[in-house]
């Protein structure tokens, strides 16, 4: 199952854009294959992201492996800090 990163290409928040870019850069640098899912392009993707996250108000970025929820930006940062990124991504 591929790792999916739900993100938004349309955002007025610099913090959100930076968080998304950090996830992309970390995954690319570690050569972890992933799929980008832009919730701004398709409302069904936003609904899917929220369903997988189990939170009707979840905001991007959210990360999952297939249909298994991994976590949000805070959980991603914690996994990196604890050197448990692969476990976090369920690889």
Protein backbone atom coordinates (compact mmCIF):
# COMPACT_ATOMS: atom_id res chain seq x y z
CA UNK A 1 0.00 0.00 0.00
CA UNK A 2 1.41 3.39 -0.91
CA UNK A 3 1.96 6.18 1.58
CA UNK A 4 -0.43 9.03 0.80
CA UNK A 5 0.04 12.63 1.85
CA UNK A 6 -3.16 14.65 1.78
CA UNK A 7 -2.25 18.28 1.18
CA UNK A 8 -3.71 21.47 -0.21
CA UNK A 9 -2.22 23.35 -3.14
CA UNK A 10 -4.35 26.36 -2.19
CA UNK A 11 -3.62 27.88 1.19
CA UNK A 12 -3.05 31.32 2.60
CA UNK A 13 -1.05 29.88 5.48
CA UNK A 14 2.74 29.93 5.19
CA UNK A 15 2.95 27.50 8.09
CA UNK A 16 0.75 24.97 6.27
CA UNK A 17 2.76 25.29 3.06
CA UNK A 18 6.03 24.85 4.98
CA UNK A 19 4.69 21.78 6.82
CA UNK A 20 3.64 20.17 3.54
CA UNK A 21 6.98 20.91 1.91
CA UNK A 22 8.82 19.45 4.91
CA UNK A 23 6.90 16.17 4.59
CA UNK A 24 7.59 15.99 0.85
CA UNK A 25 11.31 16.76 1.31
CA UNK A 26 11.78 14.22 4.12
CA UNK A 27 10.03 11.43 2.22
CA UNK A 28 11.92 12.20 -0.98
CA UNK A 29 15.29 12.39 0.82
CA UNK A 30 14.67 8.99 2.43
CA UNK A 31 13.50 7.60 -0.93
CA UNK A 32 10.14 6.59 0.50
CA UNK A 33 7.61 6.36 -2.34
CA UNK A 34 4.47 8.36 -1.70
CA UNK A 35 1.44 9.76 -3.47
CA UNK A 36 0.38 13.39 -3.17
CA UNK A 37 -3.38 13.84 -2.87
CA UNK A 38 -4.46 17.46 -3.38
CA UNK A 39 -7.70 18.01 -1.50
CA UNK A 40 -8.14 21.41 -3.17
CA UNK A 41 -8.67 19.72 -6.54
CA UNK A 42 -11.36 17.26 -5.48
CA UNK A 43 -13.81 17.62 -2.57
CA UNK A 44 -14.15 13.81 -2.42
CA UNK A 45 -10.45 13.61 -1.50
CA UNK A 46 -11.02 15.99 1.42
CA UNK A 47 -13.90 13.80 2.60
CA UNK A 48 -11.72 10.70 2.25
CA UNK A 49 -8.89 12.35 4.21
CA UNK A 50 -11.27 13.23 7.04
CA UNK A 51 -12.81 9.75 7.03
CA UNK A 52 -9.41 8.04 7.23
CA UNK A 53 -8.27 10.46 9.97
CA UNK A 54 -11.48 9.82 11.89
CA UNK A 55 -11.92 13.56 12.32
CA UNK A 56 -14.64 15.51 10.43
CA UNK A 57 -12.64 18.74 10.78
CA UNK A 58 -9.12 17.42 10.01
CA UNK A 59 -6.93 19.81 8.03
CA UNK A 60 -4.01 18.95 5.78
CA UNK A 61 -1.38 17.70 5.87
CA UNK A 62 -2.54 14.23 6.90
CA UNK A 63 -0.62 11.03 6.20
CA UNK A 64 -1.87 7.49 5.67
CA UNK A 65 -0.62 4.18 4.34
CA UNK A 66 -3.35 2.83 2.10
CA UNK A 67 -6.48 3.26 4.19
CA UNK A 68 -4.58 3.10 7.50
CA UNK A 69 -4.18 6.45 9.21
CA UNK A 70 -0.62 7.34 10.23
CA UNK A 71 -1.03 10.85 11.63
CA UNK A 72 -0.76 14.59 11.17
CA UNK A 73 2.18 17.01 11.09
CA UNK A 74 2.79 16.85 14.83
CA UNK A 75 2.90 13.04 14.80
CA UNK A 76 5.20 13.14 11.74
CA UNK A 77 7.63 15.47 13.52
CA UNK A 78 7.55 13.30 16.64
CA UNK A 79 8.32 10.20 14.58
CA UNK A 80 11.33 11.91 13.00
CA UNK A 81 12.58 13.13 16.39
CA UNK A 82 12.23 9.63 17.88
CA UNK A 83 13.82 8.05 14.75
CA UNK A 84 10.68 6.00 14.15
CA UNK A 85 9.57 7.29 10.77
CA UNK A 86 9.22 3.86 9.16
CA UNK A 87 7.12 2.58 12.09
CA UNK A 88 5.00 5.76 11.90
CA UNK A 89 4.45 5.22 8.17
CA UNK A 90 3.65 1.53 8.81
CA UNK A 91 6.32 0.37 6.36
